[in-house]
Amino acid sequence: MSRSRLIGTAAALVAAAGVALSAGSLLPPNGDPILSAANAADAPAPLYYQDPDGKPLYSPTPKKTDDGRDYVAVPAPSDASDQPATMTAAEHGGQHKSDRKIKYYRNPMGLPDTSPVPKKDSMGMDYIAVYESDDSDDGSVKLSPGKIQRSGVKSEPAERRRLRMLVRAPGTIQLDERRISVIAMRAESFVQKVADVTTGSRVTRGQPLMEIYSPAVSSAAAEYLATITSKTTAGIEPYGRGSRQRLVNLDVPEPVIAEMEKSHSVPITIQWSSPRDGIVLQRNAIDGMRAQPGDILFRIADISLVWATVDVAERDLGGIAVGQPVTVRARSYPGRDFRGRISVIYPQLNKETRTARLRIELANADLALLPDMYVDAEIDTGNPAPVLVVAESAVLDTGSRQAVLVDKGQGRFEPREVKLGRRGDGYVEIRDGLAEGDAIVTSANFLIDAESNLKAALKGLAEGGNAQPTSAQGTDAHSGHAMGGKP
């Protein structure tokens, strides 16, 4: 009795398990209820199917790879604004409900292939119809708002502004050649004593530098005094003029001559002093030395006004002129500007570096600028009058042709050829092709240009496809006429 009851209980459990398995097979794996037919109908239909590894293998219907994996369904884009106003060949039957006229059909995969009649590609996909309203003849290209936003297209109006063009060039500080003096003897002399002056010392005009004894100077001084003190010639100016001129020719300082006229005595040594304010560049005088005529004993330069010689590139010479203001910055004094003007443009070009040399005069009152110091010069060659400019990034330059994209509004962009002028501060001058206020694309213009080129290629193919049937018809008619003329 107990054995029969156990058998019955086991049979009941097996039946219950079967019912549960049957009910479970009606549920999806995640346990959610099955979608209704209406919900399934609402899901967008796949546009095509692609290899799951991303390979260029496609199929219009569901398919599996060699290893049993399903192709990935590629749905139609959800952003309707990204789609051109087109319709497939399958929807061509509803064309009579619209007033728009189809111009041609293009390849659904974006390939440069068009057809004047409905057609399918090698995968069985319908070609997409392109309407007249979607293909303007003004050369412009139209983008959807979604594509414009994702591409980062930005536009700025063409405006008038002063174009600041800076030419930067390196250089060095040089002495003003007109402010250098040397002290040399014009007759054989002996250096009796040298003052406490060394190379690099700053001296002032009239400051004593050395004492010189010269037999020629002493002889000329004695002759001059004899002439002006003689009872016969004293007071007669022409008689002493020649003797005095001899002292001047021997470069005797004027204060020394005046002292001899006053004291009526010839000094044994003559004191030589500095002819100008400046710094001692060279000191060759030594106590007791013998100096021959022409020997340079001192070289003194005034550096209160110095030159900056800079080398500018050959291409920048057209905008540089004498008198232009220049800002010079010394690397030894960061943050400090020295103002000057171009005084000379040297009439020679360095054939190795293709540069020209400029001379800039700089005031150096505090003697901060020293000879051979490195400097950087900035020359503003821009026109003070405002000109029409656009951002440099807006120009599409092919080398022989320059163009910009004009934003016509509502997603339309028109390529327009322009003539360029000078560049500076990230802007370029527009001499022809634009008007002030025109909205110009400054960002993502290469993407729009690529879209425009693709559109032009498709349009050319479409026109070629339309011309082919016409040509064929003309040939048939001509052939038929010829055949009809035969007996």
Protein backbone atom coordinates (compact mmCIF):
# COMPACT_ATOMS: atom_id res chain seq x y z
CA MET A 1 0.00 0.00 0.00
CA SER A 2 2.76 2.43 0.86
CA ARG A 3 4.62 1.47 -2.29
CA SER A 4 1.64 2.36 -4.49
CA ARG A 5 1.30 5.72 -2.74
CA LEU A 6 4.95 6.52 -3.40
CA ILE A 7 4.59 5.67 -7.10
CA GLY A 8 1.54 7.95 -7.39
CA THR A 9 3.32 10.85 -5.71
CA ALA A 10 6.29 10.55 -8.07
CA ALA A 11 4.01 10.57 -11.10
CA ALA A 12 2.32 13.76 -9.86
CA LEU A 13 5.68 15.48 -9.42
CA VAL A 14 6.77 14.53 -12.95
CA ALA A 15 3.55 15.93 -14.43
CA ALA A 16 3.91 19.19 -12.50
CA ALA A 17 7.48 19.59 -13.75
CA GLY A 18 6.33 19.09 -17.35
CA VAL A 19 3.69 21.78 -17.01
CA ALA A 20 6.26 24.17 -15.54
CA LEU A 21 8.69 23.54 -18.40
CA SER A 22 5.96 24.14 -20.94
CA ALA A 23 5.00 27.43 -19.33
CA GLY A 24 8.66 28.51 -19.04
CA SER A 25 9.24 27.96 -22.75
CA LEU A 26 6.69 30.65 -23.50
CA LEU A 27 8.71 33.31 -21.59
CA PRO A 28 11.81 35.06 -22.88
CA PRO A 29 15.13 34.20 -21.22
CA ASN A 30 15.04 37.27 -18.97
CA GLY A 31 11.63 36.42 -17.67
CA ASP A 32 9.90 39.49 -19.19
CA PRO A 33 6.57 39.09 -20.93
CA ILE A 34 6.61 38.57 -24.67
CA LEU A 35 6.30 41.78 -26.71
CA SER A 36 3.04 42.21 -28.42
CA ALA A 37 2.74 42.29 -32.19
CA ALA A 38 1.95 46.02 -32.02
CA ASN A 39 5.15 46.74 -30.06
CA ALA A 40 7.18 44.69 -32.51
CA ALA A 41 5.71 46.63 -35.38
CA ASP A 42 6.80 49.91 -33.76
CA ALA A 43 10.50 48.88 -33.73
CA PRO A 44 12.48 50.40 -36.65
CA ALA A 45 13.33 47.93 -39.38
CA PRO A 46 17.05 47.31 -39.96
CA LEU A 47 18.54 49.12 -42.95
CA TYR A 48 20.95 46.22 -43.60
CA TYR A 49 23.07 43.66 -41.76
CA GLN A 50 26.82 43.86 -41.26
CA ASP A 51 29.54 41.41 -40.27
CA PRO A 52 29.84 41.35 -36.43
CA ASP A 53 33.65 41.89 -36.67
CA GLY A 54 33.19 45.14 -38.57
CA LYS A 55 34.44 43.69 -41.87
CA PRO A 56 33.07 45.21 -45.12
CA LEU A 57 30.59 42.38 -45.51
CA TYR A 58 26.88 43.26 -45.76
CA SER A 59 23.60 41.51 -46.33
CA PRO A 60 20.05 42.84 -46.93
CA THR A 61 18.62 39.92 -44.91
CA PRO A 62 19.59 38.19 -41.64
CA LYS A 63 22.68 36.05 -42.07
CA LYS A 64 25.26 34.10 -40.08
CA THR A 65 29.04 33.99 -40.27
CA ASP A 66 30.96 30.82 -41.00
CA ASP A 67 31.38 30.24 -37.26
CA GLY A 68 27.63 30.58 -36.61
CA ARG A 69 27.42 34.16 -35.32
CA ASP A 70 24.59 36.44 -36.41
CA TYR A 71 25.22 39.51 -38.56
CA VAL A 72 24.57 42.77 -36.71
CA ALA A 73 21.44 44.65 -37.72
CA VAL A 74 22.13 48.29 -38.67
CA PRO A 75 18.97 50.35 -38.07
CA ALA A 76 18.06 53.46 -40.01
CA PRO A 77 19.32 56.67 -38.34
CA SER A 78 16.97 57.83 -35.61
CA ASP A 79 17.61 61.56 -36.33
CA ALA A 80 15.26 62.31 -39.16
CA SER A 81 16.91 65.69 -39.64
CA ASP A 82 20.11 63.93 -40.76
CA GLN A 83 18.31 62.27 -43.68
CA PRO A 84 17.92 64.05 -46.98
CA ALA A 85 14.43 64.53 -48.26
CA THR A 86 14.57 61.35 -50.33
CA MET A 87 12.55 58.21 -50.81
CA THR A 88 13.49 54.70 -51.87
CA ALA A 89 12.43 53.02 -55.06
CA ALA A 90 9.98 50.87 -53.06
CA GLU A 91 8.23 54.04 -51.90
CA HIS A 92 8.16 55.47 -55.40
CA GLY A 93 4.56 54.37 -55.78
CA GLY A 94 3.48 57.14 -53.40
CA GLN A 95 5.21 59.81 -55.45
CA HIS A 96 1.95 60.92 -57.05
CA LYS A 97 0.85 62.30 -53.68
CA SER A 98 3.74 64.82 -53.73
CA ASP A 99 4.45 67.72 -56.05
CA ARG A 100 8.20 67.21 -55.88
CA LYS A 101 10.03 65.77 -58.88
CA ILE A 102 12.76 63.15 -58.62
CA LYS A 103 16.00 64.10 -60.38
CA TYR A 104 17.92 60.84 -59.98
CA TYR A 105 18.57 57.93 -57.64
CA ARG A 106 21.79 57.61 -55.67
CA ASN A 107 23.58 54.65 -54.16
CA PRO A 108 22.28 53.92 -50.62
CA MET A 109 25.83 53.28 -49.34
CA GLY A 110 27.09 56.71 -50.46
CA LEU A 111 29.12 55.41 -53.40
CA PRO A 112 29.50 57.73 -56.42
CA ASP A 113 26.91 55.86 -58.47
CA THR A 114 23.58 57.25 -59.65
CA SER A 115 20.72 56.09 -61.85
CA PRO A 116 17.94 57.98 -63.68
CA VAL A 117 15.46 55.15 -62.87
CA PRO A 118 14.76 53.09 -59.73
CA LYS A 119 17.46 50.49 -59.15
CA LYS A 120 18.89 48.05 -56.61
CA ASP A 121 22.50 47.56 -55.63
CA SER A 122 24.39 44.28 -55.50
CA MET A 123 22.95 43.55 -52.03
CA GLY A 124 19.38 44.15 -53.12
CA MET A 125 19.05 47.56 -51.42
CA ASP A 126 16.93 50.19 -53.17
CA TYR A 127 18.63 53.31 -54.53
CA ILE A 128 17.52 56.53 -52.80
CA ALA A 129 15.62 59.16 -54.75
CA VAL A 130 16.94 62.73 -54.77
CA TYR A 131 14.42 65.50 -55.44
CA GLU A 132 14.93 68.78 -57.30
CA SER A 133 14.34 70.79 -54.15
CA ASP A 134 17.20 68.96 -52.46
CA ASP A 135 19.77 69.77 -55.16
CA SER A 136 20.19 73.49 -55.79
CA ASP A 137 22.06 74.78 -58.83
CA ASP A 138 23.81 77.65 -57.00
CA GLY A 139 26.74 75.45 -55.98
CA SER A 140 25.78 75.48 -52.30
CA VAL A 141 25.65 72.47 -50.03
CA LYS A 142 22.98 71.82 -47.41
CA LEU A 143 23.55 70.15 -44.06
CA SER A 144 21.00 69.10 -41.46
CA PRO A 145 20.97 70.82 -38.04
CA GLY A 146 22.10 67.58 -36.42
CA LYS A 147 25.13 67.22 -38.66
CA ILE A 148 26.03 70.89 -38.20
CA GLN A 149 25.95 70.50 -34.42
CA ARG A 150 27.99 67.31 -34.38
CA SER A 151 30.59 68.66 -36.82
CA GLY A 152 31.16 71.78 -34.72
CA VAL A 153 30.46 74.23 -37.54
CA LYS A 154 30.98 77.84 -36.43
CA SER A 155 30.49 81.06 -38.37
CA GLU A 156 31.76 84.62 -37.87
CA PRO A 157 30.89 87.75 -39.84
CA ALA A 158 33.50 89.34 -42.08
CA GLU A 159 34.43 92.65 -40.46
CA ARG A 160 36.72 95.61 -40.84
CA ARG A 161 39.62 95.92 -38.42
CA ARG A 162 43.17 97.18 -38.29
CA LEU A 163 45.44 94.36 -39.33
CA ARG A 164 48.42 94.32 -37.00
CA MET A 165 51.32 92.60 -38.70
CA LEU A 166 54.42 92.12 -36.57
CA VAL A 167 57.77 91.29 -38.11
CA ARG A 168 60.06 89.77 -35.50
CA ALA A 169 63.80 89.66 -36.06
CA PRO A 170 66.89 89.02 -33.91
CA GLY A 171 69.84 91.38 -33.76
CA THR A 172 72.70 92.83 -31.76
CA ILE A 173 73.63 96.20 -30.28
CA GLN A 174 76.37 98.07 -32.12
CA LEU A 175 78.19 101.35 -31.51
CA ASP A 176 77.18 104.45 -33.40
CA GLU A 177 80.07 104.94 -35.82
CA ARG A 178 79.63 108.71 -35.61
CA ARG A 179 80.26 108.70 -31.85
CA ILE A 180 83.69 107.03 -31.73
CA SER A 181 86.88 109.03 -31.22
CA VAL A 182 90.54 108.02 -31.17
CA ILE A 183 93.53 109.83 -29.69
CA ALA A 184 96.66 109.47 -31.84
CA MET A 185 99.84 111.52 -32.13
CA ARG A 186 100.61 113.45 -35.33
CA ALA A 187 104.30 113.68 -34.49
CA GLU A 188 106.84 111.59 -32.68
CA SER A 189 106.03 111.84 -28.97
CA PHE A 190 106.78 110.36 -25.59
CA VAL A 191 104.17 109.50 -22.97
CA GLN A 192 105.30 111.05 -19.72
CA LYS A 193 102.35 110.02 -17.54
CA VAL A 194 98.95 108.31 -17.98
CA ALA A 195 95.95 109.20 -15.82
CA ASP A 196 94.04 106.65 -13.75
CA VAL A 197 91.92 105.55 -16.71
CA THR A 198 91.55 101.98 -17.91
CA THR A 199 89.61 100.12 -20.56
CA GLY A 200 85.90 100.27 -19.72
CA SER A 201 86.19 103.43 -17.65
CA ARG A 202 83.61 106.15 -18.22
CA VAL A 203 85.14 109.52 -19.03
CA THR A 204 83.76 113.00 -19.63
CA ARG A 205 84.65 115.59 -22.23
CA GLY A 206 87.82 117.48 -21.19
CA GLN A 207 88.90 114.92 -18.58
CA PRO A 208 92.77 114.57 -18.53
CA LEU A 209 94.02 111.28 -19.96
CA MET A 210 97.84 111.65 -20.27
CA GLU A 211 100.83 114.03 -20.48
CA ILE A 212 102.86 114.09 -23.71
CA TYR A 213 106.30 115.49 -24.58
CA SER A 214 106.83 116.09 -28.28
CA PRO A 215 109.90 117.86 -29.75
CA ALA A 216 107.86 118.97 -32.78
CA VAL A 217 105.15 120.48 -30.60
CA SER A 218 107.70 122.25 -28.38
CA SER A 219 109.46 123.73 -31.45
CA ALA A 220 106.19 124.98 -32.95
CA ALA A 221 105.11 126.45 -29.60
CA ALA A 222 108.44 128.31 -29.19
CA GLU A 223 108.17 129.74 -32.71
CA TYR A 224 104.63 130.91 -32.06
CA LEU A 225 105.53 132.62 -28.79
CA ALA A 226 108.54 134.31 -30.41
CA THR A 227 106.28 135.73 -33.08
CA ILE A 228 103.60 137.08 -30.78
CA THR A 229 106.11 138.52 -28.25
CA SER A 230 108.49 140.16 -30.74
CA LYS A 231 108.56 143.97 -30.71
CA THR A 232 108.47 144.02 -34.49
CA THR A 233 105.57 141.64 -35.06
CA ALA A 234 103.72 141.88 -31.77
CA GLY A 235 100.17 142.99 -32.25
CA ILE A 236 100.20 142.20 -35.97
CA GLU A 237 97.81 139.27 -36.28
CA PRO A 238 98.85 137.95 -39.72
CA TYR A 239 102.43 137.34 -38.55
CA GLY A 240 101.41 134.93 -35.79
CA ARG A 241 98.63 133.20 -37.70
CA GLY A 242 100.91 130.71 -39.50
CA SER A 243 102.73 129.67 -36.32
CA ARG A 244 99.47 129.16 -34.49
CA GLN A 245 98.08 127.07 -37.35
CA ARG A 246 101.12 124.80 -37.09
CA LEU A 247 100.18 124.02 -33.45
CA VAL A 248 96.62 123.32 -34.51
CA ASN A 249 97.86 120.96 -37.23
CA LEU A 250 99.86 119.05 -34.62
CA ASP A 251 96.50 118.52 -32.78
CA VAL A 252 97.55 120.54 -29.73
CA PRO A 253 94.40 121.06 -27.62
CA GLU A 254 92.91 124.55 -27.84
CA PRO A 255 93.05 125.13 -24.05
CA VAL A 256 96.83 124.48 -24.14
CA ILE A 257 97.34 127.06 -26.90
CA ALA A 258 95.26 129.62 -25.00
CA GLU A 259 97.34 129.03 -21.85
CA MET A 260 100.61 129.59 -23.79
CA GLU A 261 99.28 132.87 -25.21
CA LYS A 262 98.40 133.98 -21.71
CA SER A 263 101.58 132.87 -19.90
CA HIS A 264 104.03 133.48 -22.79
CA SER A 265 105.85 130.27 -21.86
CA VAL A 266 106.28 126.90 -23.54
CA PRO A 267 105.33 123.92 -21.32
CA ILE A 268 107.64 120.93 -21.27
CA THR A 269 104.74 118.46 -21.44
CA ILE A 270 101.29 118.95 -22.88
CA GLN A 271 98.18 117.55 -21.23
CA TRP A 272 95.91 115.52 -23.55
CA SER A 273 92.22 115.24 -22.53
CA SER A 274 89.13 113.30 -23.65
CA PRO A 275 87.39 114.73 -26.74
CA ARG A 276 83.90 113.43 -25.74
CA ASP A 277 81.81 111.74 -23.06
CA GLY A 278 81.85 107.97 -23.28
CA ILE A 279 83.60 104.81 -22.27
CA VAL A 280 87.20 103.85 -22.94
CA LEU A 281 87.18 101.03 -25.47
CA GLN A 282 90.94 100.83 -25.90
CA ARG A 283 93.91 102.07 -23.80
CA ASN A 284 97.31 101.57 -25.41
CA ALA A 285 99.16 104.40 -23.66
CA ILE A 286 101.83 103.35 -21.13
CA ASP A 287 104.02 105.54 -18.99
CA GLY A 288 107.34 106.33 -20.75
CA MET A 289 106.44 104.76 -24.08
CA ARG A 290 107.40 106.25 -27.42
CA ALA A 291 104.50 106.95 -29.77
CA GLN A 292 104.98 107.17 -33.49
CA PRO A 293 102.74 109.33 -35.68
CA GLY A 294 99.40 107.56 -36.16
CA ASP A 295 99.68 105.27 -33.14
CA ILE A 296 96.29 105.02 -31.40
CA LEU A 297 96.72 105.63 -27.68
CA PHE A 298 93.04 105.81 -26.66
CA ARG A 299 89.71 104.87 -28.29
CA ILE A 300 86.58 106.37 -26.71
CA ALA A 301 82.91 105.80 -27.69
CA ASP A 302 79.73 107.58 -26.67
CA ILE A 303 77.02 104.95 -26.00
CA SER A 304 74.21 107.32 -25.06
CA LEU A 305 72.87 106.54 -28.55
CA VAL A 306 73.42 103.06 -30.00
CA TRP A 307 72.38 101.04 -33.04
CA ALA A 308 70.46 97.78 -33.15
CA THR A 309 71.27 95.88 -36.33
CA VAL A 310 68.68 93.19 -37.08
CA ASP A 311 68.23 90.74 -39.95
CA VAL A 312 64.74 90.41 -41.45
CA ALA A 313 63.55 87.79 -43.91
CA GLU A 314 63.42 88.69 -47.57
CA ARG A 315 59.64 88.12 -47.73
CA ASP A 316 59.06 90.84 -45.09
CA LEU A 317 60.96 93.62 -46.83
CA GLY A 318 57.90 94.83 -48.77
CA GLY A 319 56.25 96.16 -45.61
CA ILE A 320 59.32 97.81 -44.07
CA ALA A 321 60.32 101.44 -44.62
CA VAL A 322 62.73 103.96 -43.13
CA GLY A 323 61.19 105.82 -40.19
CA GLN A 324 58.91 103.01 -38.99
CA PRO A 325 58.72 102.65 -35.19
CA VAL A 326 60.37 99.59 -33.69
CA THR A 327 60.15 97.97 -30.27
CA VAL A 328 63.38 96.34 -29.12
CA ARG A 329 63.65 93.97 -26.17
CA ALA A 330 66.99 92.99 -24.69
CA ARG A 331 67.27 89.48 -23.34
CA SER A 332 69.15 90.90 -20.36
CA TYR A 333 66.16 93.06 -19.35
CA PRO A 334 62.97 90.99 -19.61
CA GLY A 335 59.82 93.08 -19.54
CA ARG A 336 61.57 96.28 -20.60
CA ASP A 337 60.97 97.87 -24.02
CA PHE A 338 63.34 100.19 -25.88
CA ARG A 339 61.73 102.38 -28.53
CA GLY A 340 63.46 103.39 -31.73
CA ARG A 341 63.01 103.96 -35.46
CA ILE A 342 64.50 102.42 -38.59
CA SER A 343 67.25 104.70 -39.85
CA VAL A 344 68.80 102.62 -42.63
CA ILE A 345 67.85 99.60 -44.75
CA TYR A 346 71.13 98.22 -46.04
CA PRO A 347 71.11 97.81 -49.85
CA GLN A 348 72.48 94.28 -49.73
CA LEU A 349 70.94 90.86 -49.20
CA ASN A 350 72.69 87.95 -47.55
CA LYS A 351 72.55 85.24 -50.21
CA GLU A 352 73.09 82.42 -47.71
CA THR A 353 70.36 83.37 -45.24
CA ARG A 354 68.13 85.40 -47.63
CA THR A 355 67.90 88.20 -45.07
CA ALA A 356 68.37 91.97 -45.21
CA ARG A 357 69.94 94.08 -42.47
CA LEU A 358 68.24 97.03 -40.81
CA ARG A 359 69.73 99.71 -38.58
CA ILE A 360 67.62 100.97 -35.69
CA GLU A 361 68.66 103.96 -33.60
CA LEU A 362 67.99 103.60 -29.87
CA ALA A 363 68.36 106.10 -27.07
CA ASN A 364 70.48 104.68 -24.24
CA ALA A 365 70.46 107.38 -21.60
CA ASP A 366 71.09 105.02 -18.67
CA LEU A 367 73.74 103.08 -20.64
CA ALA A 368 71.84 99.82 -20.13
CA LEU A 369 72.44 98.62 -23.70
CA LEU A 370 75.99 97.48 -24.28
CA PRO A 371 77.76 96.66 -27.54
CA ASP A 372 77.20 93.11 -28.92
CA MET A 373 74.21 92.53 -26.62
CA TYR A 374 71.51 90.26 -28.13
CA VAL A 375 68.11 91.88 -28.76
CA ASP A 376 64.78 90.99 -30.40
CA ALA A 377 63.02 93.58 -32.55
CA GLU A 378 59.30 93.86 -33.36
CA ILE A 379 58.28 95.97 -36.35
CA ASP A 380 54.62 96.78 -36.86
CA THR A 381 54.14 96.76 -40.65
CA GLY A 382 50.32 96.80 -40.57
CA ASN A 383 48.19 99.41 -42.28
CA PRO A 384 46.66 101.88 -39.80
CA ALA A 385 43.45 101.95 -41.86
CA PRO A 386 40.93 99.13 -41.14
CA VAL A 387 40.48 96.51 -43.87
CA LEU A 388 37.98 93.68 -44.45
CA VAL A 389 39.30 90.52 -42.75
CA VAL A 390 38.26 86.97 -41.88
CA ALA A 391 39.88 84.40 -39.63
CA GLU A 392 42.78 82.51 -41.20
CA SER A 393 41.07 79.21 -40.39
CA ALA A 394 38.18 80.21 -42.70
CA VAL A 395 40.30 80.13 -45.87
CA LEU A 396 40.48 76.97 -47.97
CA ASP A 397 43.76 77.36 -49.83
CA THR A 398 44.69 74.93 -52.61
CA GLY A 399 47.74 76.91 -53.67
CA SER A 400 46.27 78.27 -56.88
CA ARG A 401 42.79 78.99 -55.54
CA GLN A 402 41.54 80.44 -52.27
CA ALA A 403 37.92 80.18 -51.16
CA VAL A 404 35.71 80.55 -48.09
CA LEU A 405 32.35 79.04 -47.17
CA VAL A 406 29.55 81.58 -46.77
CA ASP A 407 26.79 80.62 -44.32
CA LYS A 408 23.54 81.35 -46.19
CA GLY A 409 21.35 80.22 -43.28
CA GLN A 410 19.02 77.25 -42.86
CA GLY A 411 21.93 74.85 -43.17
CA ARG A 412 23.12 76.07 -46.59
CA PHE A 413 26.76 76.89 -47.26
CA GLU A 414 28.08 78.45 -50.45
CA PRO A 415 31.73 78.13 -51.54
CA ARG A 416 33.02 81.50 -52.74
CA GLU A 417 36.37 82.31 -54.30
CA VAL A 418 38.20 85.27 -52.76
CA LYS A 419 41.38 87.28 -53.29
CA LEU A 420 43.61 87.49 -50.25
CA GLY A 421 45.83 90.28 -49.00
CA ARG A 422 48.13 90.49 -46.02
CA ARG A 423 48.01 88.33 -42.90
CA GLY A 424 48.45 89.11 -39.23
CA ASP A 425 47.08 88.44 -35.74
CA GLY A 426 45.32 85.28 -36.96
CA TYR A 427 43.37 87.17 -39.66
CA VAL A 428 43.75 87.57 -43.40
CA GLU A 429 42.74 90.53 -45.55
CA ILE A 430 39.99 89.93 -48.15
CA ARG A 431 40.49 92.18 -51.18
CA ASP A 432 37.69 90.77 -53.34
CA GLY A 433 34.83 88.28 -53.10
CA LEU A 434 33.15 89.22 -49.80
CA ALA A 435 31.19 92.07 -48.28
CA GLU A 436 31.24 93.31 -44.72
CA GLY A 437 28.82 91.31 -42.56
CA ASP A 438 28.89 88.08 -44.62
CA ALA A 439 28.78 85.07 -42.28
CA ILE A 440 31.89 82.96 -42.91
CA VAL A 441 32.49 79.42 -41.64
CA THR A 442 35.58 79.38 -39.43
CA SER A 443 35.41 75.84 -38.05
CA ALA A 444 34.79 72.44 -39.70
CA ASN A 445 34.93 74.09 -43.14
CA PHE A 446 36.99 71.20 -44.53
CA LEU A 447 34.14 68.79 -43.69
CA ILE A 448 31.66 71.01 -45.54
CA ASP A 449 34.08 71.29 -48.46
CA ALA A 450 34.34 67.50 -48.62
CA GLU A 451 30.54 67.26 -48.60
CA SER A 452 30.38 69.80 -51.43
CA ASN A 453 32.90 67.87 -53.52
CA LEU A 454 30.95 64.63 -53.03
CA LYS A 455 27.76 66.39 -54.04
CA ALA A 456 29.37 67.78 -57.18
CA ALA A 457 30.64 64.31 -58.13
CA LEU A 458 27.18 62.77 -57.68
CA LYS A 459 25.59 65.55 -59.69
CA GLY A 460 28.08 65.08 -62.53
CA LEU A 461 27.43 61.35 -62.62
CA ALA A 462 23.70 61.97 -62.65
CA GLU A 463 23.97 64.37 -65.57
CA GLY A 464 26.16 61.89 -67.42
CA GLY A 465 23.61 59.11 -66.81
CA ASN A 466 20.75 61.27 -68.08
CA ALA A 467 22.68 62.22 -71.21
CA GLN A 468 23.43 58.59 -72.09
CA PRO A 469 19.85 57.47 -72.84
CA THR A 470 19.24 60.62 -74.91
CA SER A 471 22.35 59.97 -76.93
CA ALA A 472 21.33 56.36 -77.41
CA GLN A 473 17.86 57.39 -78.62
CA GLY A 474 19.38 59.83 -81.10
CA THR A 475 21.64 57.09 -82.42
CA ASP A 476 18.70 54.69 -82.85
CA ALA A 477 16.66 57.30 -84.68
CA HIS A 478 19.52 58.09 -86.98
CA SER A 479 20.11 54.39 -87.54
CA GLY A 480 16.42 53.81 -88.29
CA HIS A 481 16.39 56.70 -90.78
CA ALA A 482 19.41 55.26 -92.49
CA MET A 483 17.81 51.82 -92.62
CA GLY A 484 14.60 53.27 -93.95
CA GLY A 485 16.47 54.86 -96.84
CA LYS A 486 17.73 51.52 -98.09
CA PRO A 487 15.88 49.92 -101.00
